[in-house]
Amino acid sequence: MRTENRRQGYAYVPGYVHLDALGVAEAVRDARGEVVAAPAVIVPNEAGASSVVPVVRTAASGVSRALGAPATGTGRPREPGGPRTAARRPYEGHDTGYW
């Protein structure tokens, strides 16, 4: 799961905390590119639940930009099943299993 989350650039974890829940999170980075936060949502794990992915990714991206984070990648954020994006560096000092 960690490898997949790193590869896609965000955490997408259906059933990880509870079988009926889907968690989605993305790192917020500061001007040095360091992870400083991670907005996340937990929603019912049902049809259409993955629609929260672009919302969480857009929010994290906006906060990262506001903090002066270096640009990463191009185009719109990847949703589950889409093309791969560059792997992100793991958040050092805190092993959540998502970055």
PDB file of N, CA and C in Angstrom:
ATOM      1  N   MET A   1       0.829  -1.192   0.000  1.00  0.00           N
ATOM      2  CA  MET A   1       0.000   0.000   0.000  1.00  0.00           C
ATOM      3  C   MET A   1       0.874   1.256   0.000  1.00  0.00           C
ATOM      4  N   ARG A   2       1.936   1.263   0.807  1.00  0.00           N
ATOM      5  CA  ARG A   2       2.797   2.439   0.876  1.00  0.00           C
ATOM      6  C   ARG A   2       3.426   2.754  -0.472  1.00  0.00           C
ATOM      7  N   THR A   3       3.900   1.726  -1.150  1.00  0.00           N
ATOM      8  CA  THR A   3       4.539   1.927  -2.448  1.00  0.00           C
ATOM      9  C   THR A   3       3.551   2.541  -3.431  1.00  0.00           C
ATOM     10  N   GLU A   4       2.347   2.028  -3.473  1.00  0.00           N
ATOM     11  CA  GLU A   4       1.323   2.560  -4.371  1.00  0.00           C
ATOM     12  C   GLU A   4       1.004   4.008  -4.020  1.00  0.00           C
ATOM     13  N   ASN A   5       0.871   4.320  -2.733  1.00  0.00           N
ATOM     14  CA  ASN A   5       0.574   5.689  -2.323  1.00  0.00           C
ATOM     15  C   ASN A   5       1.699   6.632  -2.715  1.00  0.00           C
ATOM     16  N   ARG A   6       2.931   6.216  -2.533  1.00  0.00           N
ATOM     17  CA  ARG A   6       4.064   7.051  -2.933  1.00  0.00           C
ATOM     18  C   ARG A   6       4.058   7.268  -4.443  1.00  0.00           C
ATOM     19  N   ARG A   7       3.791   6.209  -5.188  1.00  0.00           N
ATOM     20  CA  ARG A   7       3.815   6.286  -6.648  1.00  0.00           C
ATOM     21  C   ARG A   7       2.726   7.234  -7.164  1.00  0.00           C
ATOM     22  N   GLN A   8       1.547   7.159  -6.611  1.00  0.00           N
ATOM     23  CA  GLN A   8       0.451   7.995  -7.109  1.00  0.00           C
ATOM     24  C   GLN A   8       0.461   9.391  -6.504  1.00  0.00           C
ATOM     25  N   GLY A   9       1.182   9.587  -5.410  1.00  0.00           N
ATOM     26  CA  GLY A   9       1.330  10.927  -4.837  1.00  0.00           C
ATOM     27  C   GLY A   9       0.311  11.284  -3.774  1.00  0.00           C
ATOM     28  N   TYR A  10      -0.548  10.377  -3.420  1.00  0.00           N
ATOM     29  CA  TYR A  10      -1.525  10.623  -2.364  1.00  0.00           C
ATOM     30  C   TYR A  10      -1.940   9.285  -1.771  1.00  0.00           C
ATOM     31  N   ALA A  11      -2.572   9.339  -0.612  1.00  0.00           N
ATOM     32  CA  ALA A  11      -3.048   8.112   0.028  1.00  0.00           C
ATOM     33  C   ALA A  11      -4.500   7.866  -0.368  1.00  0.00           C
ATOM     34  N   TYR A  12      -4.762   6.661  -0.821  1.00  0.00           N
ATOM     35  CA  TYR A  12      -6.121   6.226  -1.184  1.00  0.00           C
ATOM     36  C   TYR A  12      -6.283   4.865  -0.534  1.00  0.00           C
ATOM     37  N   VAL A  13      -6.977   4.830   0.597  1.00  0.00           N
ATOM     38  CA  VAL A  13      -6.988   3.620   1.418  1.00  0.00           C
ATOM     39  C   VAL A  13      -8.410   3.166   1.756  1.00  0.00           C
ATOM     40  N   PRO A  14      -9.057   2.456   0.838  1.00  0.00           N
ATOM     41  CA  PRO A  14     -10.379   1.902   1.134  1.00  0.00           C
ATOM     42  C   PRO A  14     -10.266   0.754   2.129  1.00  0.00           C
ATOM     43  N   GLY A  15     -11.064   0.799   3.169  1.00  0.00           N
ATOM     44  CA  GLY A  15     -11.118  -0.288   4.135  1.00  0.00           C
ATOM     45  C   GLY A  15      -9.944  -0.389   5.076  1.00  0.00           C
ATOM     46  N   TYR A  16      -9.054   0.584   5.104  1.00  0.00           N
ATOM     47  CA  TYR A  16      -7.860   0.513   5.948  1.00  0.00           C
ATOM     48  C   TYR A  16      -8.193   0.667   7.434  1.00  0.00           C
ATOM     49  N   VAL A  17      -8.979   1.670   7.772  1.00  0.00           N
ATOM     50  CA  VAL A  17      -9.372   1.897   9.164  1.00  0.00           C
ATOM     51  C   VAL A  17     -10.606   1.083   9.515  1.00  0.00           C
ATOM     52  N   HIS A  18     -11.547   1.043   8.581  1.00  0.00           N
ATOM     53  CA  HIS A  18     -12.810   0.320   8.771  1.00  0.00           C
ATOM     54  C   HIS A  18     -13.271  -0.148   7.393  1.00  0.00           C
ATOM     55  N   LEU A  19     -13.811  -1.332   7.305  1.00  0.00           N
ATOM     56  CA  LEU A  19     -14.223  -1.878   6.008  1.00  0.00           C
ATOM     57  C   LEU A  19     -15.208  -0.995   5.257  1.00  0.00           C
ATOM     58  N   ASP A  20     -16.010  -0.242   5.984  1.00  0.00           N
ATOM     59  CA  ASP A  20     -17.014   0.603   5.344  1.00  0.00           C
ATOM     60  C   ASP A  20     -16.522   2.021   5.075  1.00  0.00           C
ATOM     61  N   ALA A  21     -15.230   2.289   5.262  1.00  0.00           N
ATOM     62  CA  ALA A  21     -14.700   3.648   5.111  1.00  0.00           C
ATOM     63  C   ALA A  21     -13.602   3.701   4.050  1.00  0.00           C
ATOM     64  N   LEU A  22     -13.503   4.852   3.410  1.00  0.00           N
ATOM     65  CA  LEU A  22     -12.444   5.138   2.449  1.00  0.00           C
ATOM     66  C   LEU A  22     -11.715   6.376   2.939  1.00  0.00           C
ATOM     67  N   GLY A  23     -10.403   6.306   3.064  1.00  0.00           N
ATOM     68  CA  GLY A  23      -9.601   7.459   3.461  1.00  0.00           C
ATOM     69  C   GLY A  23      -8.800   7.965   2.283  1.00  0.00           C
ATOM     70  N   VAL A  24      -8.722   9.288   2.164  1.00  0.00           N
ATOM     71  CA  VAL A  24      -7.931   9.945   1.124  1.00  0.00           C
ATOM     72  C   VAL A  24      -7.167  11.077   1.781  1.00  0.00           C
ATOM     73  N   ALA A  25      -5.862  11.176   1.502  1.00  0.00           N
ATOM     74  CA  ALA A  25      -5.036  12.249   2.054  1.00  0.00           C
ATOM     75  C   ALA A  25      -3.952  12.618   1.059  1.00  0.00           C
ATOM     76  N   GLU A  26      -3.479  13.845   1.157  1.00  0.00           N
ATOM     77  CA  GLU A  26      -2.371  14.314   0.315  1.00  0.00           C
ATOM     78  C   GLU A  26      -1.497  15.233   1.138  1.00  0.00           C
ATOM     79  N   ALA A  27      -0.203  15.170   0.902  1.00  0.00           N
ATOM     80  CA  ALA A  27       0.757  15.990   1.633  1.00  0.00           C
ATOM     81  C   ALA A  27       0.679  17.445   1.202  1.00  0.00           C
ATOM     82  N   VAL A  28       0.847  18.337   2.185  1.00  0.00           N
ATOM     83  CA  VAL A  28       1.032  19.764   1.937  1.00  0.00           C
ATOM     84  C   VAL A  28       2.505  20.031   2.186  1.00  0.00           C
ATOM     85  N   ARG A  29       3.150  20.709   1.231  1.00  0.00           N
ATOM     86  CA  ARG A  29       4.584  20.979   1.342  1.00  0.00           C
ATOM     87  C   ARG A  29       4.861  22.467   1.475  1.00  0.00           C
ATOM     88  N   ASP A  30       5.949  22.782   2.190  1.00  0.00           N
ATOM     89  CA  ASP A  30       6.341  24.175   2.355  1.00  0.00           C
ATOM     90  C   ASP A  30       7.318  24.581   1.251  1.00  0.00           C
ATOM     91  N   ALA A  31       7.902  25.765   1.372  1.00  0.00           N
ATOM     92  CA  ALA A  31       8.797  26.294   0.343  1.00  0.00           C
ATOM     93  C   ALA A  31      10.048  25.439   0.143  1.00  0.00           C
ATOM     94  N   ARG A  32      10.431  24.665   1.128  1.00  0.00           N
ATOM     95  CA  ARG A  32      11.589  23.766   0.999  1.00  0.00           C
ATOM     96  C   ARG A  32      11.194  22.404   0.436  1.00  0.00           C
ATOM     97  N   GLY A  33       9.898  22.196   0.219  1.00  0.00           N
ATOM     98  CA  GLY A  33       9.417  20.911  -0.278  1.00  0.00           C
ATOM     99  C   GLY A  33       9.178  19.901   0.826  1.00  0.00           C
ATOM    100  N   GLU A  34       9.261  20.343   2.077  1.00  0.00           N
ATOM    101  CA  GLU A  34       9.040  19.456   3.223  1.00  0.00           C
ATOM    102  C   GLU A  34       7.548  19.325   3.519  1.00  0.00           C
ATOM    103  N   VAL A  35       7.123  18.145   3.914  1.00  0.00           N
ATOM    104  CA  VAL A  35       5.724  17.921   4.280  1.00  0.00           C
ATOM    105  C   VAL A  35       5.449  18.610   5.621  1.00  0.00           C
ATOM    106  N   VAL A  36       4.416  19.448   5.656  1.00  0.00           N
ATOM    107  CA  VAL A  36       4.070  20.171   6.879  1.00  0.00           C
ATOM    108  C   VAL A  36       2.652  19.863   7.354  1.00  0.00           C
ATOM    109  N   ALA A  37       1.855  19.236   6.510  1.00  0.00           N
ATOM    110  CA  ALA A  37       0.473  18.902   6.871  1.00  0.00           C
ATOM    111  C   ALA A  37      -0.053  17.891   5.858  1.00  0.00           C
ATOM    112  N   ALA A  38      -1.236  17.374   6.135  1.00  0.00           N
ATOM    113  CA  ALA A  38      -1.874  16.445   5.198  1.00  0.00           C
ATOM    114  C   ALA A  38      -3.384  16.492   5.377  1.00  0.00           C
ATOM    115  N   PRO A  39      -4.075  17.284   4.548  1.00  0.00           N
ATOM    116  CA  PRO A  39      -5.534  17.246   4.622  1.00  0.00           C
ATOM    117  C   PRO A  39      -6.039  15.859   4.242  1.00  0.00           C
ATOM    118  N   ALA A  40      -7.018  15.397   4.963  1.00  0.00           N
ATOM    119  CA  ALA A  40      -7.547  14.052   4.737  1.00  0.00           C
ATOM    120  C   ALA A  40      -9.051  14.037   4.956  1.00  0.00           C
ATOM    121  N   VAL A  41      -9.692  13.091   4.299  1.00  0.00           N
ATOM    122  CA  VAL A  41     -11.121  12.864   4.516  1.00  0.00           C
ATOM    123  C   VAL A  41     -11.357  11.370   4.660  1.00  0.00           C
ATOM    124  N   ILE A  42     -12.386  11.041   5.379  1.00  0.00           N
ATOM    125  CA  ILE A  42     -12.861   9.664   5.471  1.00  0.00           C
ATOM    126  C   ILE A  42     -14.334   9.706   5.105  1.00  0.00           C
ATOM    127  N   VAL A  43     -14.690   8.916   4.105  1.00  0.00           N
ATOM    128  CA  VAL A  43     -16.063   8.892   3.609  1.00  0.00           C
ATOM    129  C   VAL A  43     -16.536   7.442   3.544  1.00  0.00           C
ATOM    130  N   PRO A  44     -17.831   7.222   3.420  1.00  0.00           N
ATOM    131  CA  PRO A  44     -18.315   5.845   3.252  1.00  0.00           C
ATOM    132  C   PRO A  44     -17.693   5.204   2.016  1.00  0.00           C
ATOM    133  N   ASN A  45     -17.263   3.985   2.134  1.00  0.00           N
ATOM    134  CA  ASN A  45     -16.632   3.252   1.035  1.00  0.00           C
ATOM    135  C   ASN A  45     -17.726   2.657   0.151  1.00  0.00           C
ATOM    136  N   GLU A  46     -18.235   3.491  -0.729  1.00  0.00           N
ATOM    137  CA  GLU A  46     -19.326   3.065  -1.605  1.00  0.00           C
ATOM    138  C   GLU A  46     -19.116   3.665  -2.986  1.00  0.00           C
ATOM    139  N   ALA A  47     -19.951   3.300  -3.928  1.00  0.00           N
ATOM    140  CA  ALA A  47     -19.840   3.799  -5.297  1.00  0.00           C
ATOM    141  C   ALA A  47     -19.768   5.320  -5.301  1.00  0.00           C
ATOM    142  N   GLY A  48     -18.836   5.855  -6.063  1.00  0.00           N
ATOM    143  CA  GLY A  48     -18.696   7.304  -6.181  1.00  0.00           C
ATOM    144  C   GLY A  48     -17.828   7.939  -5.113  1.00  0.00           C
ATOM    145  N   ALA A  49     -17.401   7.164  -4.140  1.00  0.00           N
ATOM    146  CA  ALA A  49     -16.605   7.725  -3.040  1.00  0.00           C
ATOM    147  C   ALA A  49     -15.288   8.310  -3.523  1.00  0.00           C
ATOM    148  N   SER A  50     -14.727   7.751  -4.580  1.00  0.00           N
ATOM    149  CA  SER A  50     -13.450   8.251  -5.077  1.00  0.00           C
ATOM    150  C   SER A  50     -13.550   9.671  -5.634  1.00  0.00           C
ATOM    151  N   SER A  51     -14.760  10.203  -5.750  1.00  0.00           N
ATOM    152  CA  SER A  51     -14.918  11.575  -6.239  1.00  0.00           C
ATOM    153  C   SER A  51     -14.314  12.602  -5.285  1.00  0.00           C
ATOM    154  N   VAL A  52     -13.986  12.197  -4.060  1.00  0.00           N
ATOM    155  CA  VAL A  52     -13.344  13.130  -3.121  1.00  0.00           C
ATOM    156  C   VAL A  52     -11.857  13.300  -3.422  1.00  0.00           C
ATOM    157  N   VAL A  53     -11.280  12.392  -4.214  1.00  0.00           N
ATOM    158  CA  VAL A  53      -9.834  12.454  -4.500  1.00  0.00           C
ATOM    159  C   VAL A  53      -9.434  13.800  -5.097  1.00  0.00           C
ATOM    160  N   PRO A  54     -10.046  14.266  -6.188  1.00  0.00           N
ATOM    161  CA  PRO A  54      -9.601  15.543  -6.745  1.00  0.00           C
ATOM    162  C   PRO A  54      -9.831  16.721  -5.803  1.00  0.00           C
ATOM    163  N   VAL A  55     -10.831  16.649  -4.949  1.00  0.00           N
ATOM    164  CA  VAL A  55     -11.098  17.721  -3.994  1.00  0.00           C
ATOM    165  C   VAL A  55      -9.961  17.824  -2.979  1.00  0.00           C
ATOM    166  N   VAL A  56      -9.557  16.679  -2.408  1.00  0.00           N
ATOM    167  CA  VAL A  56      -8.468  16.659  -1.428  1.00  0.00           C
ATOM    168  C   VAL A  56      -7.166  17.081  -2.100  1.00  0.00           C
ATOM    169  N   ARG A  57      -6.914  16.578  -3.294  1.00  0.00           N
ATOM    170  CA  ARG A  57      -5.664  16.911  -3.998  1.00  0.00           C
ATOM    171  C   ARG A  57      -5.607  18.395  -4.358  1.00  0.00           C
ATOM    172  N   THR A  58      -6.718  18.965  -4.783  1.00  0.00           N
ATOM    173  CA  THR A  58      -6.754  20.385  -5.123  1.00  0.00           C
ATOM    174  C   THR A  58      -6.525  21.241  -3.885  1.00  0.00           C
ATOM    175  N   ALA A  59      -7.140  20.867  -2.776  1.00  0.00           N
ATOM    176  CA  ALA A  59      -6.949  21.611  -1.530  1.00  0.00           C
ATOM    177  C   ALA A  59      -5.489  21.573  -1.093  1.00  0.00           C
ATOM    178  N   ALA A  60      -4.882  20.398  -1.095  1.00  0.00           N
ATOM    179  CA  ALA A  60      -3.480  20.264  -0.683  1.00  0.00           C
ATOM    180  C   ALA A  60      -2.565  21.048  -1.620  1.00  0.00           C
ATOM    181  N   SER A  61      -2.843  20.976  -2.907  1.00  0.00           N
ATOM    182  CA  SER A  61      -2.033  21.688  -3.887  1.00  0.00           C
ATOM    183  C   SER A  61      -2.120  23.204  -3.681  1.00  0.00           C
ATOM    184  N   GLY A  62      -3.331  23.702  -3.422  1.00  0.00           N
ATOM    185  CA  GLY A  62      -3.519  25.138  -3.192  1.00  0.00           C
ATOM    186  C   GLY A  62      -2.786  25.629  -1.956  1.00  0.00           C
ATOM    187  N   VAL A  63      -2.855  24.864  -0.879  1.00  0.00           N
ATOM    188  CA  VAL A  63      -2.157  25.251   0.347  1.00  0.00           C
ATOM    189  C   VAL A  63      -0.643  25.188   0.115  1.00  0.00           C
ATOM    190  N   SER A  64      -0.183  24.151  -0.571  1.00  0.00           N
ATOM    191  CA  SER A  64       1.243  24.030  -0.879  1.00  0.00           C
ATOM    192  C   SER A  64       1.726  25.229  -1.693  1.00  0.00           C
ATOM    193  N   ARG A  65       0.955  25.612  -2.711  1.00  0.00           N
ATOM    194  CA  ARG A  65       1.325  26.788  -3.513  1.00  0.00           C
ATOM    195  C   ARG A  65       1.384  28.041  -2.653  1.00  0.00           C
ATOM    196  N   ALA A  66       0.405  28.197  -1.772  1.00  0.00           N
ATOM    197  CA  ALA A  66       0.376  29.368  -0.898  1.00  0.00           C
ATOM    198  C   ALA A  66       1.593  29.411   0.038  1.00  0.00           C
ATOM    199  N   LEU A  67       2.125  28.242   0.366  1.00  0.00           N
ATOM    200  CA  LEU A  67       3.309  28.158   1.224  1.00  0.00           C
ATOM    201  C   LEU A  67       4.604  28.254   0.423  1.00  0.00           C
ATOM    202  N   GLY A  68       4.496  28.396  -0.896  1.00  0.00           N
ATOM    203  CA  GLY A  68       5.671  28.549  -1.743  1.00  0.00           C
ATOM    204  C   GLY A  68       6.336  27.251  -2.147  1.00  0.00           C
ATOM    205  N   ALA A  69       5.596  26.152  -2.086  1.00  0.00           N
ATOM    206  CA  ALA A  69       6.169  24.847  -2.440  1.00  0.00           C
ATOM    207  C   ALA A  69       6.599  24.822  -3.897  1.00  0.00           C
ATOM    208  N   PRO A  70       7.701  24.116  -4.170  1.00  0.00           N
ATOM    209  CA  PRO A  70       8.120  23.950  -5.567  1.00  0.00           C
ATOM    210  C   PRO A  70       7.045  23.196  -6.352  1.00  0.00           C
ATOM    211  N   ALA A  71       6.892  23.519  -7.612  1.00  0.00           N
ATOM    212  CA  ALA A  71       5.918  22.830  -8.458  1.00  0.00           C
ATOM    213  C   ALA A  71       6.325  21.375  -8.623  1.00  0.00           C
ATOM    214  N   THR A  72       5.340  20.472  -8.584  1.00  0.00           N
ATOM    215  CA  THR A  72       5.602  19.047  -8.799  1.00  0.00           C
ATOM    216  C   THR A  72       4.673  18.551  -9.884  1.00  0.00           C
ATOM    217  N   GLY A  73       5.232  17.958 -10.922  1.00  0.00           N
ATOM    218  CA  GLY A  73       4.421  17.370 -11.976  1.00  0.00           C
ATOM    219  C   GLY A  73       3.716  18.410 -12.814  1.00  0.00           C
ATOM    220  N   THR A  74       2.942  17.928 -13.759  1.00  0.00           N
ATOM    221  CA  THR A  74       2.170  18.797 -14.629  1.00  0.00           C
ATOM    222  C   THR A  74       0.802  18.187 -14.830  1.00  0.00           C
ATOM    223  N   GLY A  75      -0.105  18.974 -15.308  1.00  0.00           N
ATOM    224  CA  GLY A  75      -1.443  18.462 -15.586  1.00  0.00           C
ATOM    225  C   GLY A  75      -2.274  18.312 -14.337  1.00  0.00           C
ATOM    226  N   ARG A  76      -3.427  17.700 -14.503  1.00  0.00           N
ATOM    227  CA  ARG A  76      -4.319  17.567 -13.355  1.00  0.00           C
ATOM    228  C   ARG A  76      -3.950  16.355 -12.512  1.00  0.00           C
ATOM    229  N   PRO A  77      -4.345  16.380 -11.242  1.00  0.00           N
ATOM    230  CA  PRO A  77      -3.997  15.268 -10.345  1.00  0.00           C
ATOM    231  C   PRO A  77      -4.539  13.937 -10.846  1.00  0.00           C
ATOM    232  N   ARG A  78      -3.793  12.880 -10.582  1.00  0.00           N
ATOM    233  CA  ARG A  78      -4.179  11.531 -10.978  1.00  0.00           C
ATOM    234  C   ARG A  78      -5.249  10.995 -10.048  1.00  0.00           C
ATOM    235  N   GLU A  79      -6.243  10.362 -10.620  1.00  0.00           N
ATOM    236  CA  GLU A  79      -7.261   9.679  -9.830  1.00  0.00           C
ATOM    237  C   GLU A  79      -6.976   8.189  -9.864  1.00  0.00           C
ATOM    238  N   PRO A  80      -7.579   7.403  -8.970  1.00  0.00           N
ATOM    239  CA  PRO A  80      -7.302   5.965  -8.958  1.00  0.00           C
ATOM    240  C   PRO A  80      -7.491   5.360 -10.340  1.00  0.00           C
ATOM    241  N   GLY A  81      -6.496   4.558 -10.766  1.00  0.00           N
ATOM    242  CA  GLY A  81      -6.571   3.895 -12.054  1.00  0.00           C
ATOM    243  C   GLY A  81      -6.008   4.697 -13.203  1.00  0.00           C
ATOM    244  N   GLY A  82      -5.621   5.961 -12.983  1.00  0.00           N
ATOM    245  CA  GLY A  82      -5.063   6.796 -14.044  1.00  0.00           C
ATOM    246  C   GLY A  82      -3.568   6.587 -14.199  1.00  0.00           C
ATOM    247  N   PRO A  83      -2.912   7.381 -15.071  1.00  0.00           N
ATOM    248  CA  PRO A  83      -1.478   7.221 -15.290  1.00  0.00           C
ATOM    249  C   PRO A  83      -0.676   7.593 -14.053  1.00  0.00           C
ATOM    250  N   ARG A  84       0.468   6.993 -13.904  1.00  0.00           N
ATOM    251  CA  ARG A  84       1.327   7.217 -12.746  1.00  0.00           C
ATOM    252  C   ARG A  84       1.968   8.601 -12.791  1.00  0.00           C
ATOM    253  N   THR A  85       2.219   9.179 -11.611  1.00  0.00           N
ATOM    254  CA  THR A  85       2.980  10.416 -11.492  1.00  0.00           C
ATOM    255  C   THR A  85       4.273  10.089 -10.773  1.00  0.00           C
ATOM    256  N   ALA A  86       5.190  11.032 -10.750  1.00  0.00           N
ATOM    257  CA  ALA A  86       6.481  10.810 -10.087  1.00  0.00           C
ATOM    258  C   ALA A  86       6.268  10.528  -8.598  1.00  0.00           C
ATOM    259  N   ALA A  87       7.057   9.615  -8.068  1.00  0.00           N
ATOM    260  CA  ALA A  87       6.973   9.277  -6.642  1.00  0.00           C
ATOM    261  C   ALA A  87       7.427  10.462  -5.810  1.00  0.00           C
ATOM    262  N   ARG A  88       6.833  10.637  -4.664  1.00  0.00           N
ATOM    263  CA  ARG A  88       7.217  11.695  -3.749  1.00  0.00           C
ATOM    264  C   ARG A  88       8.115  11.162  -2.661  1.00  0.00           C
ATOM    265  N   ARG A  89       8.911  12.029  -2.114  1.00  0.00           N
ATOM    266  CA  ARG A  89       9.803  11.661  -1.030  1.00  0.00           C
ATOM    267  C   ARG A  89       8.990  11.405   0.226  1.00  0.00           C
ATOM    268  N   PRO A  90       9.303  10.359   0.993  1.00  0.00           N
ATOM    269  CA  PRO A  90       8.550  10.097   2.221  1.00  0.00           C
ATOM    270  C   PRO A  90       8.742  11.209   3.238  1.00  0.00           C
ATOM    271  N   TYR A  91       7.744  11.445   4.036  1.00  0.00           N
ATOM    272  CA  TYR A  91       7.812  12.423   5.112  1.00  0.00           C
ATOM    273  C   TYR A  91       8.756  11.884   6.167  1.00  0.00           C
ATOM    274  N   GLU A  92       9.865  12.569   6.337  1.00  0.00           N
ATOM    275  CA  GLU A  92      10.901  12.115   7.270  1.00  0.00           C
ATOM    276  C   GLU A  92      10.502  12.445   8.706  1.00  0.00           C
ATOM    277  N   GLY A  93      10.717  11.502   9.590  1.00  0.00           N
ATOM    278  CA  GLY A  93      10.469  11.732  10.999  1.00  0.00           C
ATOM    279  C   GLY A  93       9.106  11.277  11.475  1.00  0.00           C
ATOM    280  N   HIS A  94       8.232  10.907  10.550  1.00  0.00           N
ATOM    281  CA  HIS A  94       6.896  10.451  10.958  1.00  0.00           C
ATOM    282  C   HIS A  94       6.428   9.411   9.956  1.00  0.00           C
ATOM    283  N   ASP A  95       6.330   8.187  10.371  1.00  0.00           N
ATOM    284  CA  ASP A  95       5.976   7.112   9.453  1.00  0.00           C
ATOM    285  C   ASP A  95       4.497   6.786   9.550  1.00  0.00           C
ATOM    286  N   THR A  96       3.693   7.466   8.733  1.00  0.00           N
ATOM    287  CA  THR A  96       2.260   7.215   8.714  1.00  0.00           C
ATOM    288  C   THR A  96       1.921   6.057   7.806  1.00  0.00           C
ATOM    289  N   GLY A  97       2.856   5.689   6.954  1.00  0.00           N
ATOM    290  CA  GLY A  97       2.583   4.649   5.975  1.00  0.00           C
ATOM    291  C   GLY A  97       1.955   5.206   4.701  1.00  0.00           C
ATOM    292  N   TYR A  98       1.732   6.503   4.619  1.00  0.00           N
ATOM    293  CA  TYR A  98       1.089   7.087   3.450  1.00  0.00           C
ATOM    294  C   TYR A  98       2.053   7.808   2.521  1.00  0.00           C
ATOM    295  N   TRP A  99       3.171   8.269   2.984  1.00  0.00           N
ATOM    296  CA  TRP A  99       4.053   9.069   2.123  1.00  0.00           C
ATOM    297  C   TRP A  99       5.269   8.326   1.841  1.00  0.00           C
TER     298      TRP A  99
END
